[in-house]
Amino acid sequence: MARETAVYTHGHHASVLRSHNWRTAANSAGYLLDSLKPHMRILDIGCGPGTITADLAALVPEGRVTGVDMAPGIVEQARALAAERSLANTDFAVADIHALDYPDASFCVVHAHQVLQHVGDPVQALREMRRVTKPGGIIAVRDSDYGAFTWSPESPVLDEWLELYHRVARANGGEPDAGRRLLSWARQAGLRDITSTATNWVFATTEERAWWSGLWAERTTASGYAGLAVEGGHATVEQLEAIAAAWREWGARDDAWFMVPHGEILCRV
């Protein structure tokens, strides 16, 4: 039986939060935005520091957005961001996607970005998302697919990084190639009216390359992921340092290019 709650591989190191804080509704939930109406009530699962949550709240001024996350400290950051943006139509709570503390049919939209890849039972998570969605409402899920990450120039050490990440994430109970599995998981959860799409993040300018390679170099040696890699016997500190150096070397090249593909599903309940 799959574990209901997996270990969040990345943790909440500053290098991880730099990536989370960069996310917006435009760059991470574009497939959903045309379906939003001003009055909607939205549940944003795995809200992290709240950047997408806040953007969604601004798009439903007559509605309300509830952001939930497993990490209490991160929920507080999201709450502070909403206050900073003077958003009166938000609230936040600590919650587990497998057992949401909300009545049936509570929300018009239930959204999860980069969440199902980290949970122990994504099919049960989708069933729970369906439970709290109103009839006629929408379940919206977007997840990256590590196995489809593409970069140039080639780097044997970054190939090692990707293999290592797969081992660590799966040992923690997650599935890093979630993007390609969303449609299958949704069907296993009993959902049938499903629109499946894909979009990418691309890092190709000098600033983008430096940002992306820098956060992964730091994440590889200093984040929760680094600790799990070493403690789990998947890599040594020296191996992680070599991977971090390869990230920095790759990011310094003026011809470097990186694509992060994402699978997306919009499910009508």
C-alpha atoms as a PDB file:
ATOM      1  CA  MET A   1       0.000   0.000   0.000  1.00  0.00           C
ATOM      2  CA  ALA A   2       1.325   3.456  -0.874  1.00  0.00           C
ATOM      3  CA  ARG A   3       2.202   5.729   1.982  1.00  0.00           C
ATOM      4  CA  GLU A   4      -0.330   8.494   2.314  1.00  0.00           C
ATOM      5  CA  THR A   5       2.238  11.159   3.107  1.00  0.00           C
ATOM      6  CA  ALA A   6       5.698  11.143   1.550  1.00  0.00           C
ATOM      7  CA  VAL A   7       8.736  13.133   2.640  1.00  0.00           C
ATOM      8  CA  TYR A   8       8.956  16.524   0.912  1.00  0.00           C
ATOM      9  CA  THR A   9      12.277  15.943  -0.830  1.00  0.00           C
ATOM     10  CA  HIS A  10      13.347  19.558  -1.250  1.00  0.00           C
ATOM     11  CA  GLY A  11      12.601  20.918   2.215  1.00  0.00           C
ATOM     12  CA  HIS A  12      12.258  24.666   2.679  1.00  0.00           C
ATOM     13  CA  HIS A  13      15.826  25.908   2.383  1.00  0.00           C
ATOM     14  CA  ALA A  14      16.279  29.425   0.980  1.00  0.00           C
ATOM     15  CA  SER A  15      17.379  27.945  -2.372  1.00  0.00           C
ATOM     16  CA  VAL A  16      14.051  26.114  -2.608  1.00  0.00           C
ATOM     17  CA  LEU A  17      11.963  29.115  -1.592  1.00  0.00           C
ATOM     18  CA  ARG A  18      13.663  31.261  -4.251  1.00  0.00           C
ATOM     19  CA  SER A  19      12.084  28.977  -6.803  1.00  0.00           C
ATOM     20  CA  HIS A  20       8.712  28.880  -5.030  1.00  0.00           C
ATOM     21  CA  ASN A  21       8.574  32.668  -4.697  1.00  0.00           C
ATOM     22  CA  TRP A  22       9.261  33.046  -8.430  1.00  0.00           C
ATOM     23  CA  ARG A  23       6.070  31.163  -9.316  1.00  0.00           C
ATOM     24  CA  THR A  24       3.014  33.123 -10.401  1.00  0.00           C
ATOM     25  CA  ALA A  25      -0.421  32.228 -11.694  1.00  0.00           C
ATOM     26  CA  ALA A  26       0.779  33.310 -15.142  1.00  0.00           C
ATOM     27  CA  ASN A  27       3.903  31.121 -15.290  1.00  0.00           C
ATOM     28  CA  SER A  28       2.537  28.168 -13.316  1.00  0.00           C
ATOM     29  CA  ALA A  29      -1.261  28.030 -13.742  1.00  0.00           C
ATOM     30  CA  GLY A  30      -1.915  29.533 -17.150  1.00  0.00           C
ATOM     31  CA  TYR A  31      -3.925  26.476 -18.249  1.00  0.00           C
ATOM     32  CA  LEU A  32      -6.485  27.260 -15.507  1.00  0.00           C
ATOM     33  CA  LEU A  33      -6.890  31.025 -15.784  1.00  0.00           C
ATOM     34  CA  ASP A  34      -9.469  31.144 -18.603  1.00  0.00           C
ATOM     35  CA  SER A  35     -11.785  28.985 -16.468  1.00  0.00           C
ATOM     36  CA  LEU A  36     -11.851  31.363 -13.502  1.00  0.00           C
ATOM     37  CA  LYS A  37     -14.869  33.530 -12.670  1.00  0.00           C
ATOM     38  CA  PRO A  38     -14.859  36.482 -10.247  1.00  0.00           C
ATOM     39  CA  HIS A  39     -17.155  34.785  -7.705  1.00  0.00           C
ATOM     40  CA  MET A  40     -15.322  31.460  -7.406  1.00  0.00           C
ATOM     41  CA  ARG A  41     -14.165  29.831  -4.189  1.00  0.00           C
ATOM     42  CA  ILE A  42     -10.755  28.193  -4.726  1.00  0.00           C
ATOM     43  CA  LEU A  43      -8.693  25.754  -2.667  1.00  0.00           C
ATOM     44  CA  ASP A  44      -4.956  26.006  -3.403  1.00  0.00           C
ATOM     45  CA  ILE A  45      -3.288  22.838  -2.081  1.00  0.00           C
ATOM     46  CA  GLY A  46       0.445  22.937  -1.371  1.00  0.00           C
ATOM     47  CA  CYS A  47       0.362  26.713  -1.489  1.00  0.00           C
ATOM     48  CA  GLY A  48       3.951  27.151  -0.296  1.00  0.00           C
ATOM     49  CA  PRO A  49       4.812  30.812   0.334  1.00  0.00           C
ATOM     50  CA  GLY A  50       1.592  31.869  -1.362  1.00  0.00           C
ATOM     51  CA  THR A  51       2.603  33.591  -4.586  1.00  0.00           C
ATOM     52  CA  ILE A  52       0.203  31.629  -6.798  1.00  0.00           C
ATOM     53  CA  THR A  53      -2.480  31.770  -4.097  1.00  0.00           C
ATOM     54  CA  ALA A  54      -2.280  35.547  -3.962  1.00  0.00           C
ATOM     55  CA  ASP A  55      -2.460  35.851  -7.742  1.00  0.00           C
ATOM     56  CA  LEU A  56      -5.544  33.623  -7.844  1.00  0.00           C
ATOM     57  CA  ALA A  57      -7.177  35.728  -5.117  1.00  0.00           C
ATOM     58  CA  ALA A  58      -6.679  38.860  -7.197  1.00  0.00           C
ATOM     59  CA  LEU A  59      -8.420  37.127 -10.115  1.00  0.00           C
ATOM     60  CA  VAL A  60     -11.542  36.223  -8.085  1.00  0.00           C
ATOM     61  CA  PRO A  61     -12.277  39.508  -6.280  1.00  0.00           C
ATOM     62  CA  GLU A  62     -15.851  38.471  -5.438  1.00  0.00           C
ATOM     63  CA  GLY A  63     -14.773  34.978  -4.362  1.00  0.00           C
ATOM     64  CA  ARG A  64     -12.308  33.545  -1.884  1.00  0.00           C
ATOM     65  CA  VAL A  65      -9.082  31.533  -1.997  1.00  0.00           C
ATOM     66  CA  THR A  66      -7.991  29.148   0.737  1.00  0.00           C
ATOM     67  CA  GLY A  67      -4.323  28.150   0.725  1.00  0.00           C
ATOM     68  CA  VAL A  68      -3.183  25.014   2.551  1.00  0.00           C
ATOM     69  CA  ASP A  69       0.202  23.402   3.072  1.00  0.00           C
ATOM     70  CA  MET A  70       1.719  20.705   5.281  1.00  0.00           C
ATOM     71  CA  ALA A  71       4.381  23.056   6.717  1.00  0.00           C
ATOM     72  CA  PRO A  72       3.116  25.504   9.390  1.00  0.00           C
ATOM     73  CA  GLY A  73       5.998  27.946   8.888  1.00  0.00           C
ATOM     74  CA  ILE A  74       5.348  28.166   5.166  1.00  0.00           C
ATOM     75  CA  VAL A  75       1.644  28.763   5.793  1.00  0.00           C
ATOM     76  CA  GLU A  76       2.623  31.748   7.925  1.00  0.00           C
ATOM     77  CA  GLN A  77       4.742  33.102   5.055  1.00  0.00           C
ATOM     78  CA  ALA A  78       1.784  32.763   2.693  1.00  0.00           C
ATOM     79  CA  ARG A  79      -0.493  34.531   5.156  1.00  0.00           C
ATOM     80  CA  ALA A  80       2.027  37.378   5.465  1.00  0.00           C
ATOM     81  CA  LEU A  81       2.270  37.748   1.672  1.00  0.00           C
ATOM     82  CA  ALA A  82      -1.510  38.000   1.332  1.00  0.00           C
ATOM     83  CA  ALA A  83      -1.545  40.686   4.026  1.00  0.00           C
ATOM     84  CA  GLU A  84       1.287  42.529   2.284  1.00  0.00           C
ATOM     85  CA  ARG A  85      -0.790  42.561  -0.912  1.00  0.00           C
ATOM     86  CA  SER A  86      -3.886  43.708   1.024  1.00  0.00           C
ATOM     87  CA  LEU A  87      -5.908  40.693  -0.095  1.00  0.00           C
ATOM     88  CA  ALA A  88      -8.983  40.388   2.106  1.00  0.00           C
ATOM     89  CA  ASN A  89     -10.369  37.319   0.302  1.00  0.00           C
ATOM     90  CA  THR A  90      -7.764  34.762   1.427  1.00  0.00           C
ATOM     91  CA  ASP A  91      -7.339  32.390   4.340  1.00  0.00           C
ATOM     92  CA  PHE A  92      -4.725  29.751   5.113  1.00  0.00           C
ATOM     93  CA  ALA A  93      -4.432  26.529   7.072  1.00  0.00           C
ATOM     94  CA  VAL A  94      -2.202  23.514   7.646  1.00  0.00           C
ATOM     95  CA  ALA A  95      -3.647  20.478   5.861  1.00  0.00           C
ATOM     96  CA  ASP A  96      -2.874  17.071   4.346  1.00  0.00           C
ATOM     97  CA  ILE A  97      -4.079  16.553   0.768  1.00  0.00           C
ATOM     98  CA  HIS A  98      -5.052  12.955   1.556  1.00  0.00           C
ATOM     99  CA  ALA A  99      -7.531  14.010   4.270  1.00  0.00           C
ATOM    100  CA  LEU A 100      -8.771  17.572   3.799  1.00  0.00           C
ATOM    101  CA  ASP A 101     -10.683  19.099   6.675  1.00  0.00           C
ATOM    102  CA  TYR A 102     -13.455  20.541   4.497  1.00  0.00           C
ATOM    103  CA  PRO A 103     -17.021  19.350   3.806  1.00  0.00           C
ATOM    104  CA  ASP A 104     -17.980  17.719   0.529  1.00  0.00           C
ATOM    105  CA  ALA A 105     -18.581  20.087  -2.393  1.00  0.00           C
ATOM    106  CA  SER A 106     -16.952  23.115  -0.723  1.00  0.00           C
ATOM    107  CA  PHE A 107     -14.990  24.660  -3.613  1.00  0.00           C
ATOM    108  CA  CYS A 108     -15.523  25.730  -7.210  1.00  0.00           C
ATOM    109  CA  VAL A 109     -11.859  25.040  -8.051  1.00  0.00           C
ATOM    110  CA  VAL A 110      -9.345  22.788  -6.309  1.00  0.00           C
ATOM    111  CA  HIS A 111      -5.802  23.500  -7.497  1.00  0.00           C
ATOM    112  CA  ALA A 112      -2.457  21.805  -6.848  1.00  0.00           C
ATOM    113  CA  HIS A 113       0.848  22.868  -8.400  1.00  0.00           C
ATOM    114  CA  GLN A 114       3.928  20.629  -8.023  1.00  0.00           C
ATOM    115  CA  VAL A 115       2.211  18.614  -5.289  1.00  0.00           C
ATOM    116  CA  LEU A 116       1.271  15.149  -6.543  1.00  0.00           C
ATOM    117  CA  GLN A 117       4.899  14.299  -7.321  1.00  0.00           C
ATOM    118  CA  HIS A 118       5.603  14.528  -3.581  1.00  0.00           C
ATOM    119  CA  VAL A 119       2.695  12.565  -2.105  1.00  0.00           C
ATOM    120  CA  GLY A 120       2.553   8.890  -1.207  1.00  0.00           C
ATOM    121  CA  ASP A 121      -0.812   8.149  -2.850  1.00  0.00           C
ATOM    122  CA  PRO A 122      -1.626  10.583  -5.677  1.00  0.00           C
ATOM    123  CA  VAL A 123      -4.769   8.678  -6.661  1.00  0.00           C
ATOM    124  CA  GLN A 124      -6.213   9.032  -3.158  1.00  0.00           C
ATOM    125  CA  ALA A 125      -5.167  12.690  -3.194  1.00  0.00           C
ATOM    126  CA  LEU A 126      -7.172  13.219  -6.388  1.00  0.00           C
ATOM    127  CA  ARG A 127     -10.173  11.423  -4.890  1.00  0.00           C
ATOM    128  CA  GLU A 128     -10.011  13.777  -1.927  1.00  0.00           C
ATOM    129  CA  MET A 129      -9.716  16.775  -4.246  1.00  0.00           C
ATOM    130  CA  ARG A 130     -12.830  15.544  -6.067  1.00  0.00           C
ATOM    131  CA  ARG A 131     -14.700  15.123  -2.775  1.00  0.00           C
ATOM    132  CA  VAL A 132     -14.324  18.781  -1.836  1.00  0.00           C
ATOM    133  CA  THR A 133     -15.087  20.078  -5.351  1.00  0.00           C
ATOM    134  CA  LYS A 134     -18.637  21.232  -6.135  1.00  0.00           C
ATOM    135  CA  PRO A 135     -20.565  19.501  -8.925  1.00  0.00           C
ATOM    136  CA  GLY A 136     -19.617  21.304 -12.120  1.00  0.00           C
ATOM    137  CA  GLY A 137     -16.394  22.503 -10.493  1.00  0.00           C
ATOM    138  CA  ILE A 138     -12.805  22.054 -11.608  1.00  0.00           C
ATOM    139  CA  ILE A 139      -9.809  20.090 -10.352  1.00  0.00           C
ATOM    140  CA  ALA A 140      -6.606  21.634 -11.734  1.00  0.00           C
ATOM    141  CA  VAL A 141      -3.239  19.904 -11.337  1.00  0.00           C
ATOM    142  CA  ARG A 142       0.180  20.711 -12.795  1.00  0.00           C
ATOM    143  CA  ASP A 143       3.363  18.738 -12.131  1.00  0.00           C
ATOM    144  CA  SER A 144       6.807  18.729 -13.670  1.00  0.00           C
ATOM    145  CA  ASP A 145       8.326  15.605 -15.197  1.00  0.00           C
ATOM    146  CA  TYR A 146      11.972  15.179 -14.226  1.00  0.00           C
ATOM    147  CA  GLY A 147      12.570  12.332 -16.668  1.00  0.00           C
ATOM    148  CA  ALA A 148      11.733  14.709 -19.524  1.00  0.00           C
ATOM    149  CA  PHE A 149      14.000  17.561 -18.379  1.00  0.00           C
ATOM    150  CA  THR A 150      16.175  18.631 -21.312  1.00  0.00           C
ATOM    151  CA  TRP A 151      19.306  20.743 -21.383  1.00  0.00           C
ATOM    152  CA  SER A 152      22.169  21.788 -23.596  1.00  0.00           C
ATOM    153  CA  PRO A 153      25.148  21.578 -23.677  1.00  0.00           C
ATOM    154  CA  GLU A 154      25.224  17.973 -22.477  1.00  0.00           C
ATOM    155  CA  SER A 155      26.834  17.355 -19.100  1.00  0.00           C
ATOM    156  CA  PRO A 156      27.596  13.840 -17.809  1.00  0.00           C
ATOM    157  CA  VAL A 157      27.580  15.143 -14.238  1.00  0.00           C
ATOM    158  CA  LEU A 158      24.113  16.657 -14.672  1.00  0.00           C
ATOM    159  CA  ASP A 159      23.029  13.264 -16.010  1.00  0.00           C
ATOM    160  CA  GLU A 160      24.260  11.875 -12.678  1.00  0.00           C
ATOM    161  CA  TRP A 161      22.334  14.610 -10.856  1.00  0.00           C
ATOM    162  CA  LEU A 162      19.082  13.607 -12.553  1.00  0.00           C
ATOM    163  CA  GLU A 163      19.596   9.925 -11.786  1.00  0.00           C
ATOM    164  CA  LEU A 164      20.388  10.796  -8.174  1.00  0.00           C
ATOM    165  CA  TYR A 165      17.311  12.982  -7.824  1.00  0.00           C
ATOM    166  CA  HIS A 166      15.093  10.150  -9.063  1.00  0.00           C
ATOM    167  CA  ARG A 167      16.581   7.770  -6.489  1.00  0.00           C
ATOM    168  CA  VAL A 168      16.199  10.190  -3.590  1.00  0.00           C
ATOM    169  CA  ALA A 169      12.649  11.274  -4.459  1.00  0.00           C
ATOM    170  CA  ARG A 170      11.406   7.730  -4.948  1.00  0.00           C
ATOM    171  CA  ALA A 171      13.053   6.561  -1.739  1.00  0.00           C
ATOM    172  CA  ASN A 172      11.016   9.292  -0.008  1.00  0.00           C
ATOM    173  CA  GLY A 173       7.762   7.931  -1.451  1.00  0.00           C
ATOM    174  CA  GLY A 174       7.355  10.423  -4.304  1.00  0.00           C
ATOM    175  CA  GLU A 175       7.241  10.152  -8.101  1.00  0.00           C
ATOM    176  CA  PRO A 176       9.409  12.749  -9.850  1.00  0.00           C
ATOM    177  CA  ASP A 177       8.028  11.866 -13.302  1.00  0.00           C
ATOM    178  CA  ALA A 178       4.527  12.851 -12.206  1.00  0.00           C
ATOM    179  CA  GLY A 179       3.698  15.056 -15.196  1.00  0.00           C
ATOM    180  CA  ARG A 180       3.270  12.129 -17.588  1.00  0.00           C
ATOM    181  CA  ARG A 181       1.165  10.216 -15.045  1.00  0.00           C
ATOM    182  CA  LEU A 182      -1.478  12.832 -14.199  1.00  0.00           C
ATOM    183  CA  LEU A 183      -4.012  11.617 -16.753  1.00  0.00           C
ATOM    184  CA  SER A 184      -3.638   8.009 -15.613  1.00  0.00           C
ATOM    185  CA  TRP A 185      -3.910   8.943 -11.933  1.00  0.00           C
ATOM    186  CA  ALA A 186      -7.002  11.050 -12.602  1.00  0.00           C
ATOM    187  CA  ARG A 187      -8.713   8.164 -14.401  1.00  0.00           C
ATOM    188  CA  GLN A 188      -7.808   5.777 -11.571  1.00  0.00           C
ATOM    189  CA  ALA A 189      -9.406   8.278  -9.188  1.00  0.00           C
ATOM    190  CA  GLY A 190     -12.672   8.012 -11.108  1.00  0.00           C
ATOM    191  CA  LEU A 191     -12.444  11.292 -13.001  1.00  0.00           C
ATOM    192  CA  ARG A 192     -13.602  11.182 -16.614  1.00  0.00           C
ATOM    193  CA  ASP A 193     -14.082  14.721 -18.015  1.00  0.00           C
ATOM    194  CA  ILE A 194     -10.371  15.474 -18.297  1.00  0.00           C
ATOM    195  CA  THR A 195      -8.442  17.908 -20.487  1.00  0.00           C
ATOM    196  CA  SER A 196      -4.738  17.032 -20.548  1.00  0.00           C
ATOM    197  CA  THR A 197      -2.127  19.567 -21.694  1.00  0.00           C
ATOM    198  CA  ALA A 198       1.552  20.394 -21.238  1.00  0.00           C
ATOM    199  CA  THR A 199       3.609  23.565 -20.940  1.00  0.00           C
ATOM    200  CA  ASN A 200       7.246  24.309 -20.208  1.00  0.00           C
ATOM    201  CA  TRP A 201       9.520  26.554 -18.239  1.00  0.00           C
ATOM    202  CA  VAL A 202      12.591  27.517 -20.278  1.00  0.00           C
ATOM    203  CA  PHE A 203      15.735  29.105 -18.848  1.00  0.00           C
ATOM    204  CA  ALA A 204      17.853  30.549 -21.636  1.00  0.00           C
ATOM    205  CA  THR A 205      18.931  34.130 -20.886  1.00  0.00           C
ATOM    206  CA  THR A 206      22.055  34.994 -18.917  1.00  0.00           C
ATOM    207  CA  GLU A 207      19.962  35.931 -15.888  1.00  0.00           C
ATOM    208  CA  GLU A 208      17.727  32.857 -16.130  1.00  0.00           C
ATOM    209  CA  ARG A 209      20.661  30.462 -16.469  1.00  0.00           C
ATOM    210  CA  ALA A 210      22.448  32.003 -13.513  1.00  0.00           C
ATOM    211  CA  TRP A 211      19.319  31.875 -11.362  1.00  0.00           C
ATOM    212  CA  TRP A 212      18.359  28.292 -12.238  1.00  0.00           C
ATOM    213  CA  SER A 213      21.848  26.809 -12.039  1.00  0.00           C
ATOM    214  CA  GLY A 214      22.654  28.755  -8.891  1.00  0.00           C
ATOM    215  CA  LEU A 215      19.613  27.611  -6.959  1.00  0.00           C
ATOM    216  CA  TRP A 216      20.201  23.979  -7.969  1.00  0.00           C
ATOM    217  CA  ALA A 217      23.890  24.188  -7.059  1.00  0.00           C
ATOM    218  CA  GLU A 218      22.945  25.479  -3.621  1.00  0.00           C
ATOM    219  CA  ARG A 219      20.060  23.039  -3.260  1.00  0.00           C
ATOM    220  CA  THR A 220      22.392  20.133  -4.060  1.00  0.00           C
ATOM    221  CA  THR A 221      24.692  20.876  -1.128  1.00  0.00           C
ATOM    222  CA  ALA A 222      22.640  22.784   1.450  1.00  0.00           C
ATOM    223  CA  SER A 223      18.933  21.883   1.278  1.00  0.00           C
ATOM    224  CA  GLY A 224      16.824  19.131   2.779  1.00  0.00           C
ATOM    225  CA  TYR A 225      17.362  17.209  -0.460  1.00  0.00           C
ATOM    226  CA  ALA A 226      21.128  17.214   0.159  1.00  0.00           C
ATOM    227  CA  GLY A 227      20.660  15.831   3.660  1.00  0.00           C
ATOM    228  CA  LEU A 228      18.343  13.087   2.447  1.00  0.00           C
ATOM    229  CA  ALA A 229      20.751  12.144  -0.339  1.00  0.00           C
ATOM    230  CA  VAL A 230      23.625  11.653   2.103  1.00  0.00           C
ATOM    231  CA  GLU A 231      21.645  10.151   4.986  1.00  0.00           C
ATOM    232  CA  GLY A 232      19.947   7.711   2.639  1.00  0.00           C
ATOM    233  CA  GLY A 233      23.257   6.483   1.263  1.00  0.00           C
ATOM    234  CA  HIS A 234      22.502   7.757  -2.233  1.00  0.00           C
ATOM    235  CA  ALA A 235      25.509  10.080  -2.504  1.00  0.00           C
ATOM    236  CA  THR A 236      28.515  11.352  -0.598  1.00  0.00           C
ATOM    237  CA  VAL A 237      29.154  14.966   0.295  1.00  0.00           C
ATOM    238  CA  GLU A 238      31.980  14.976  -2.247  1.00  0.00           C
ATOM    239  CA  GLN A 239      29.664  13.743  -4.994  1.00  0.00           C
ATOM    240  CA  LEU A 240      27.161  16.467  -4.184  1.00  0.00           C
ATOM    241  CA  GLU A 241      29.890  19.102  -4.298  1.00  0.00           C
ATOM    242  CA  ALA A 242      30.934  17.843  -7.742  1.00  0.00           C
ATOM    243  CA  ILE A 243      27.343  18.073  -8.978  1.00  0.00           C
ATOM    244  CA  ALA A 244      27.041  21.607  -7.600  1.00  0.00           C
ATOM    245  CA  ALA A 245      30.241  22.597  -9.410  1.00  0.00           C
ATOM    246  CA  ALA A 246      28.856  21.128 -12.648  1.00  0.00           C
ATOM    247  CA  TRP A 247      25.680  23.176 -12.236  1.00  0.00           C
ATOM    248  CA  ARG A 248      27.715  26.373 -11.856  1.00  0.00           C
ATOM    249  CA  GLU A 249      29.940  25.491 -14.815  1.00  0.00           C
ATOM    250  CA  TRP A 250      26.929  24.765 -16.992  1.00  0.00           C
ATOM    251  CA  GLY A 251      25.148  27.962 -15.918  1.00  0.00           C
ATOM    252  CA  ALA A 252      28.159  30.103 -16.831  1.00  0.00           C
ATOM    253  CA  ARG A 253      28.013  29.094 -20.498  1.00  0.00           C
ATOM    254  CA  ASP A 254      26.429  31.610 -22.835  1.00  0.00           C
ATOM    255  CA  ASP A 255      24.860  28.856 -24.939  1.00  0.00           C
ATOM    256  CA  ALA A 256      23.258  26.957 -22.037  1.00  0.00           C
ATOM    257  CA  TRP A 257      19.527  26.167 -22.304  1.00  0.00           C
ATOM    258  CA  PHE A 258      17.229  24.245 -19.930  1.00  0.00           C
ATOM    259  CA  MET A 259      13.617  23.126 -20.323  1.00  0.00           C
ATOM    260  CA  VAL A 260      11.325  21.927 -17.521  1.00  0.00           C
ATOM    261  CA  PRO A 261       8.210  20.267 -19.005  1.00  0.00           C
ATOM    262  CA  HIS A 262       4.961  20.019 -17.044  1.00  0.00           C
ATOM    263  CA  GLY A 263       1.901  17.846 -17.438  1.00  0.00           C
ATOM    264  CA  GLU A 264      -1.439  19.525 -16.669  1.00  0.00           C
ATOM    265  CA  ILE A 265      -4.981  18.288 -16.174  1.00  0.00           C
ATOM    266  CA  LEU A 266      -8.275  20.143 -15.893  1.00  0.00           C
ATOM    267  CA  CYS A 267     -10.991  17.824 -14.601  1.00  0.00           C
ATOM    268  CA  ARG A 268     -14.688  18.738 -14.572  1.00  0.00           C
ATOM    269  CA  VAL A 269     -16.529  17.184 -11.663  1.00  0.00           C
END
